[in-house]
Amino acid sequence: MAFNYPNARRDETKVADYHGNKISDPYEWLEDPDSAETMAFVEEQNKLTMPFLEQCAVRDRFRQRLT
């Protein structure tokens, strides 16, 4: 089964500095859950994921256990 995943923008300019160690963080923008860009990306991911989850035979058991 092939999936058409939404594009996730890479920002190659983002670099985190952890005690002098430079670590590339191209998806830092996804850390802001309130940004319009993050919300749009999550919505697209949900459109891909929900049809699969809705067919999951044990979904209700997981929901009951987690809520």
PDB file of N, CA and C in Angstrom:
ATOM      1  N   MET A   1       0.846  -1.179   0.000  1.00  0.00           N
ATOM      2  CA  MET A   1       0.000   0.000   0.000  1.00  0.00           C
ATOM      3  C   MET A   1       0.891   1.242   0.000  1.00  0.00           C
ATOM      4  N   ALA A   2       0.687   2.112  -0.943  1.00  0.00           N
ATOM      5  CA  ALA A   2       1.469   3.343  -1.038  1.00  0.00           C
ATOM      6  C   ALA A   2       0.718   4.488  -0.368  1.00  0.00           C
ATOM      7  N   PHE A   3       1.452   5.302   0.338  1.00  0.00           N
ATOM      8  CA  PHE A   3       0.871   6.455   1.014  1.00  0.00           C
ATOM      9  C   PHE A   3       1.450   7.727   0.415  1.00  0.00           C
ATOM     10  N   ASN A   4       0.621   8.739   0.334  1.00  0.00           N
ATOM     11  CA  ASN A   4       1.057  10.043  -0.137  1.00  0.00           C
ATOM     12  C   ASN A   4       1.202  10.949   1.089  1.00  0.00           C
ATOM     13  N   TYR A   5       2.389  10.927   1.692  1.00  0.00           N
ATOM     14  CA  TYR A   5       2.617  11.687   2.910  1.00  0.00           C
ATOM     15  C   TYR A   5       2.719  13.180   2.609  1.00  0.00           C
ATOM     16  N   PRO A   6       2.243  14.019   3.541  1.00  0.00           N
ATOM     17  CA  PRO A   6       2.373  15.462   3.348  1.00  0.00           C
ATOM     18  C   PRO A   6       3.844  15.879   3.435  1.00  0.00           C
ATOM     19  N   ASN A   7       4.174  16.905   2.712  1.00  0.00           N
ATOM     20  CA  ASN A   7       5.538  17.427   2.753  1.00  0.00           C
ATOM     21  C   ASN A   7       5.788  18.125   4.077  1.00  0.00           C
ATOM     22  N   ALA A   8       6.960  17.893   4.622  1.00  0.00           N
ATOM     23  CA  ALA A   8       7.391  18.588   5.832  1.00  0.00           C
ATOM     24  C   ALA A   8       8.565  19.477   5.443  1.00  0.00           C
ATOM     25  N   ARG A   9       8.360  20.756   5.559  1.00  0.00           N
ATOM     26  CA  ARG A   9       9.400  21.719   5.181  1.00  0.00           C
ATOM     27  C   ARG A   9      10.641  21.527   6.057  1.00  0.00           C
ATOM     28  N   ARG A  10      11.798  21.501   5.423  1.00  0.00           N
ATOM     29  CA  ARG A  10      13.073  21.432   6.145  1.00  0.00           C
ATOM     30  C   ARG A  10      13.699  22.824   6.157  1.00  0.00           C
ATOM     31  N   ASP A  11      14.032  23.293   7.341  1.00  0.00           N
ATOM     32  CA  ASP A  11      14.721  24.573   7.480  1.00  0.00           C
ATOM     33  C   ASP A  11      16.163  24.280   7.890  1.00  0.00           C
ATOM     34  N   GLU A  12      17.033  24.217   6.899  1.00  0.00           N
ATOM     35  CA  GLU A  12      18.429  23.843   7.141  1.00  0.00           C
ATOM     36  C   GLU A  12      19.204  24.902   7.916  1.00  0.00           C
ATOM     37  N   THR A  13      18.602  26.077   8.136  1.00  0.00           N
ATOM     38  CA  THR A  13      19.299  27.124   8.882  1.00  0.00           C
ATOM     39  C   THR A  13      19.180  26.928  10.388  1.00  0.00           C
ATOM     40  N   LYS A  14      18.297  26.070  10.843  1.00  0.00           N
ATOM     41  CA  LYS A  14      18.086  25.871  12.278  1.00  0.00           C
ATOM     42  C   LYS A  14      19.113  24.895  12.839  1.00  0.00           C
ATOM     43  N   VAL A  15      19.860  25.387  13.816  1.00  0.00           N
ATOM     44  CA  VAL A  15      20.876  24.575  14.479  1.00  0.00           C
ATOM     45  C   VAL A  15      20.750  24.815  15.977  1.00  0.00           C
ATOM     46  N   ALA A  16      20.650  23.734  16.736  1.00  0.00           N
ATOM     47  CA  ALA A  16      20.603  23.833  18.190  1.00  0.00           C
ATOM     48  C   ALA A  16      22.021  23.660  18.731  1.00  0.00           C
ATOM     49  N   ASP A  17      22.297  24.336  19.834  1.00  0.00           N
ATOM     50  CA  ASP A  17      23.612  24.243  20.461  1.00  0.00           C
ATOM     51  C   ASP A  17      23.427  23.622  21.840  1.00  0.00           C
ATOM     52  N   TYR A  18      23.913  22.407  21.991  1.00  0.00           N
ATOM     53  CA  TYR A  18      23.826  21.698  23.264  1.00  0.00           C
ATOM     54  C   TYR A  18      25.228  21.584  23.860  1.00  0.00           C
ATOM     55  N   HIS A  19      25.524  22.487  24.777  1.00  0.00           N
ATOM     56  CA  HIS A  19      26.818  22.487  25.464  1.00  0.00           C
ATOM     57  C   HIS A  19      27.980  22.481  24.468  1.00  0.00           C
ATOM     58  N   GLY A  20      27.858  23.293  23.438  1.00  0.00           N
ATOM     59  CA  GLY A  20      28.915  23.412  22.447  1.00  0.00           C
ATOM     60  C   GLY A  20      28.801  22.453  21.278  1.00  0.00           C
ATOM     61  N   ASN A  21      27.866  21.535  21.342  1.00  0.00           N
ATOM     62  CA  ASN A  21      27.641  20.600  20.233  1.00  0.00           C
ATOM     63  C   ASN A  21      26.541  21.145  19.341  1.00  0.00           C
ATOM     64  N   LYS A  22      26.864  21.385  18.094  1.00  0.00           N
ATOM     65  CA  LYS A  22      25.895  21.915  17.133  1.00  0.00           C
ATOM     66  C   LYS A  22      25.121  20.752  16.509  1.00  0.00           C
ATOM     67  N   ILE A  23      23.797  20.809  16.638  1.00  0.00           N
ATOM     68  CA  ILE A  23      22.925  19.761  16.119  1.00  0.00           C
ATOM     69  C   ILE A  23      21.917  20.399  15.165  1.00  0.00           C
ATOM     70  N   SER A  24      21.881  19.914  13.949  1.00  0.00           N
ATOM     71  CA  SER A  24      20.911  20.402  12.969  1.00  0.00           C
ATOM     72  C   SER A  24      19.499  20.077  13.455  1.00  0.00           C
ATOM     73  N   ASP A  25      18.592  21.040  13.341  1.00  0.00           N
ATOM     74  CA  ASP A  25      17.206  20.855  13.790  1.00  0.00           C
ATOM     75  C   ASP A  25      16.252  21.398  12.719  1.00  0.00           C
ATOM     76  N   PRO A  26      16.215  20.753  11.539  1.00  0.00           N
ATOM     77  CA  PRO A  26      15.456  21.302  10.414  1.00  0.00           C
ATOM     78  C   PRO A  26      13.939  21.295  10.598  1.00  0.00           C
ATOM     79  N   TYR A  27      13.457  20.572  11.594  1.00  0.00           N
ATOM     80  CA  TYR A  27      12.010  20.518  11.817  1.00  0.00           C
ATOM     81  C   TYR A  27      11.605  21.228  13.107  1.00  0.00           C
ATOM     82  N   GLU A  28      12.426  22.150  13.551  1.00  0.00           N
ATOM     83  CA  GLU A  28      12.143  22.904  14.771  1.00  0.00           C
ATOM     84  C   GLU A  28      10.772  23.586  14.709  1.00  0.00           C
ATOM     85  N   TRP A  29      10.367  23.979  13.529  1.00  0.00           N
ATOM     86  CA  TRP A  29       9.087  24.679  13.368  1.00  0.00           C
ATOM     87  C   TRP A  29       7.914  23.828  13.851  1.00  0.00           C
ATOM     88  N   LEU A  30       8.064  22.508  13.856  1.00  0.00           N
ATOM     89  CA  LEU A  30       6.981  21.631  14.321  1.00  0.00           C
ATOM     90  C   LEU A  30       6.822  21.651  15.839  1.00  0.00           C
ATOM     91  N   GLU A  31       7.763  22.252  16.549  1.00  0.00           N
ATOM     92  CA  GLU A  31       7.687  22.313  18.004  1.00  0.00           C
ATOM     93  C   GLU A  31       6.662  23.322  18.498  1.00  0.00           C
ATOM     94  N   ASP A  32       6.198  24.196  17.638  1.00  0.00           N
ATOM     95  CA  ASP A  32       5.178  25.186  18.024  1.00  0.00           C
ATOM     96  C   ASP A  32       3.808  24.652  17.627  1.00  0.00           C
ATOM     97  N   PRO A  33       3.076  24.051  18.582  1.00  0.00           N
ATOM     98  CA  PRO A  33       1.793  23.440  18.237  1.00  0.00           C
ATOM     99  C   PRO A  33       0.721  24.442  17.833  1.00  0.00           C
ATOM    100  N   ASP A  34       0.942  25.722  18.125  1.00  0.00           N
ATOM    101  CA  ASP A  34      -0.066  26.737  17.826  1.00  0.00           C
ATOM    102  C   ASP A  34       0.170  27.465  16.507  1.00  0.00           C
ATOM    103  N   SER A  35       1.276  27.164  15.829  1.00  0.00           N
ATOM    104  CA  SER A  35       1.536  27.861  14.568  1.00  0.00           C
ATOM    105  C   SER A  35       0.618  27.321  13.477  1.00  0.00           C
ATOM    106  N   ALA A  36       0.234  28.188  12.572  1.00  0.00           N
ATOM    107  CA  ALA A  36      -0.649  27.786  11.472  1.00  0.00           C
ATOM    108  C   ALA A  36       0.003  26.695  10.627  1.00  0.00           C
ATOM    109  N   GLU A  37       1.318  26.799  10.430  1.00  0.00           N
ATOM    110  CA  GLU A  37       2.018  25.807   9.609  1.00  0.00           C
ATOM    111  C   GLU A  37       2.006  24.425  10.272  1.00  0.00           C
ATOM    112  N   THR A  38       2.250  24.381  11.582  1.00  0.00           N
ATOM    113  CA  THR A  38       2.221  23.101  12.295  1.00  0.00           C
ATOM    114  C   THR A  38       0.821  22.519  12.288  1.00  0.00           C
ATOM    115  N   MET A  39      -0.179  23.344  12.544  1.00  0.00           N
ATOM    116  CA  MET A  39      -1.562  22.844  12.562  1.00  0.00           C
ATOM    117  C   MET A  39      -1.967  22.297  11.198  1.00  0.00           C
ATOM    118  N   ALA A  40      -1.548  22.955  10.131  1.00  0.00           N
ATOM    119  CA  ALA A  40      -1.866  22.474   8.781  1.00  0.00           C
ATOM    120  C   ALA A  40      -1.175  21.138   8.510  1.00  0.00           C
ATOM    121  N   PHE A  41       0.074  21.002   8.942  1.00  0.00           N
ATOM    122  CA  PHE A  41       0.801  19.749   8.755  1.00  0.00           C
ATOM    123  C   PHE A  41       0.126  18.616   9.529  1.00  0.00           C
ATOM    124  N   VAL A  42      -0.247  18.872  10.769  1.00  0.00           N
ATOM    125  CA  VAL A  42      -0.914  17.850  11.589  1.00  0.00           C
ATOM    126  C   VAL A  42      -2.250  17.460  10.972  1.00  0.00           C
ATOM    127  N   GLU A  43      -2.979  18.414  10.459  1.00  0.00           N
ATOM    128  CA  GLU A  43      -4.262  18.119   9.807  1.00  0.00           C
ATOM    129  C   GLU A  43      -4.058  17.191   8.609  1.00  0.00           C
ATOM    130  N   GLU A  44      -3.031  17.461   7.816  1.00  0.00           N
ATOM    131  CA  GLU A  44      -2.738  16.600   6.666  1.00  0.00           C
ATOM    132  C   GLU A  44      -2.318  15.202   7.116  1.00  0.00           C
ATOM    133  N   GLN A  45      -1.541  15.123   8.184  1.00  0.00           N
ATOM    134  CA  GLN A  45      -1.155  13.816   8.727  1.00  0.00           C
ATOM    135  C   GLN A  45      -2.393  13.061   9.215  1.00  0.00           C
ATOM    136  N   ASN A  46      -3.304  13.773   9.873  1.00  0.00           N
ATOM    137  CA  ASN A  46      -4.525  13.137  10.370  1.00  0.00           C
ATOM    138  C   ASN A  46      -5.391  12.608   9.232  1.00  0.00           C
ATOM    139  N   LYS A  47      -5.444  13.331   8.127  1.00  0.00           N
ATOM    140  CA  LYS A  47      -6.217  12.862   6.970  1.00  0.00           C
ATOM    141  C   LYS A  47      -5.671  11.542   6.441  1.00  0.00           C
ATOM    142  N   LEU A  48      -4.376  11.361   6.541  1.00  0.00           N
ATOM    143  CA  LEU A  48      -3.743  10.123   6.098  1.00  0.00           C
ATOM    144  C   LEU A  48      -3.945   9.002   7.120  1.00  0.00           C
ATOM    145  N   THR A  49      -3.862   9.345   8.392  1.00  0.00           N
ATOM    146  CA  THR A  49      -3.871   8.349   9.460  1.00  0.00           C
ATOM    147  C   THR A  49      -5.264   7.868   9.841  1.00  0.00           C
ATOM    148  N   MET A  50      -6.225   8.764   9.914  1.00  0.00           N
ATOM    149  CA  MET A  50      -7.544   8.402  10.443  1.00  0.00           C
ATOM    150  C   MET A  50      -8.240   7.281   9.677  1.00  0.00           C
ATOM    151  N   PRO A  51      -8.230   7.246   8.361  1.00  0.00           N
ATOM    152  CA  PRO A  51      -8.879   6.119   7.674  1.00  0.00           C
ATOM    153  C   PRO A  51      -8.283   4.766   8.078  1.00  0.00           C
ATOM    154  N   PHE A  52      -6.986   4.722   8.303  1.00  0.00           N
ATOM    155  CA  PHE A  52      -6.343   3.490   8.750  1.00  0.00           C
ATOM    156  C   PHE A  52      -6.791   3.148  10.168  1.00  0.00           C
ATOM    157  N   LEU A  53      -6.766   4.133  11.069  1.00  0.00           N
ATOM    158  CA  LEU A  53      -7.141   3.875  12.457  1.00  0.00           C
ATOM    159  C   LEU A  53      -8.609   3.500  12.599  1.00  0.00           C
ATOM    160  N   GLU A  54      -9.458   4.084  11.773  1.00  0.00           N
ATOM    161  CA  GLU A  54     -10.885   3.773  11.849  1.00  0.00           C
ATOM    162  C   GLU A  54     -11.173   2.317  11.517  1.00  0.00           C
ATOM    163  N   GLN A  55     -10.273   1.661  10.801  1.00  0.00           N
ATOM    164  CA  GLN A  55     -10.455   0.253  10.460  1.00  0.00           C
ATOM    165  C   GLN A  55      -9.783  -0.685  11.465  1.00  0.00           C
ATOM    166  N   CYS A  56      -9.088  -0.144  12.434  1.00  0.00           N
ATOM    167  CA  CYS A  56      -8.362  -0.946  13.414  1.00  0.00           C
ATOM    168  C   CYS A  56      -9.354  -1.667  14.332  1.00  0.00           C
ATOM    169  N   ALA A  57      -9.266  -2.982  14.373  1.00  0.00           N
ATOM    170  CA  ALA A  57     -10.219  -3.799  15.127  1.00  0.00           C
ATOM    171  C   ALA A  57     -10.155  -3.548  16.632  1.00  0.00           C
ATOM    172  N   VAL A  58      -9.019  -3.147  17.153  1.00  0.00           N
ATOM    173  CA  VAL A  58      -8.884  -2.961  18.601  1.00  0.00           C
ATOM    174  C   VAL A  58      -8.871  -1.484  19.007  1.00  0.00           C
ATOM    175  N   ARG A  59      -9.254  -0.617  18.115  1.00  0.00           N
ATOM    176  CA  ARG A  59      -9.211   0.821  18.399  1.00  0.00           C
ATOM    177  C   ARG A  59     -10.047   1.192  19.617  1.00  0.00           C
ATOM    178  N   ASP A  60     -11.256   0.659  19.728  1.00  0.00           N
ATOM    179  CA  ASP A  60     -12.108   0.996  20.872  1.00  0.00           C
ATOM    180  C   ASP A  60     -11.507   0.519  22.188  1.00  0.00           C
ATOM    181  N   ARG A  61     -10.846  -0.623  22.171  1.00  0.00           N
ATOM    182  CA  ARG A  61     -10.206  -1.107  23.407  1.00  0.00           C
ATOM    183  C   ARG A  61      -9.076  -0.174  23.825  1.00  0.00           C
ATOM    184  N   PHE A  62      -8.298   0.298  22.863  1.00  0.00           N
ATOM    185  CA  PHE A  62      -7.247   1.265  23.186  1.00  0.00           C
ATOM    186  C   PHE A  62      -7.857   2.555  23.734  1.00  0.00           C
ATOM    187  N   ARG A  63      -8.900   3.026  23.099  1.00  0.00           N
ATOM    188  CA  ARG A  63      -9.544   4.269  23.526  1.00  0.00           C
ATOM    189  C   ARG A  63     -10.056   4.148  24.958  1.00  0.00           C
ATOM    190  N   GLN A  64     -10.707   3.043  25.271  1.00  0.00           N
ATOM    191  CA  GLN A  64     -11.224   2.830  26.626  1.00  0.00           C
ATOM    192  C   GLN A  64     -10.088   2.762  27.641  1.00  0.00           C
ATOM    193  N   ARG A  65      -9.010   2.132  27.256  1.00  0.00           N
ATOM    194  CA  ARG A  65      -7.880   1.986  28.170  1.00  0.00           C
ATOM    195  C   ARG A  65      -7.189   3.320  28.422  1.00  0.00           C
ATOM    196  N   LEU A  66      -7.128   4.163  27.406  1.00  0.00           N
ATOM    197  CA  LEU A  66      -6.386   5.417  27.513  1.00  0.00           C
ATOM    198  C   LEU A  66      -7.218   6.594  28.002  1.00  0.00           C
ATOM    199  N   THR A  67      -8.530   6.425  28.047  1.00  0.00           N
ATOM    200  CA  THR A  67      -9.366   7.553  28.500  1.00  0.00           C
ATOM    201  C   THR A  67     -10.086   7.232  29.778  1.00  0.00           C
TER     202      THR A  67
END
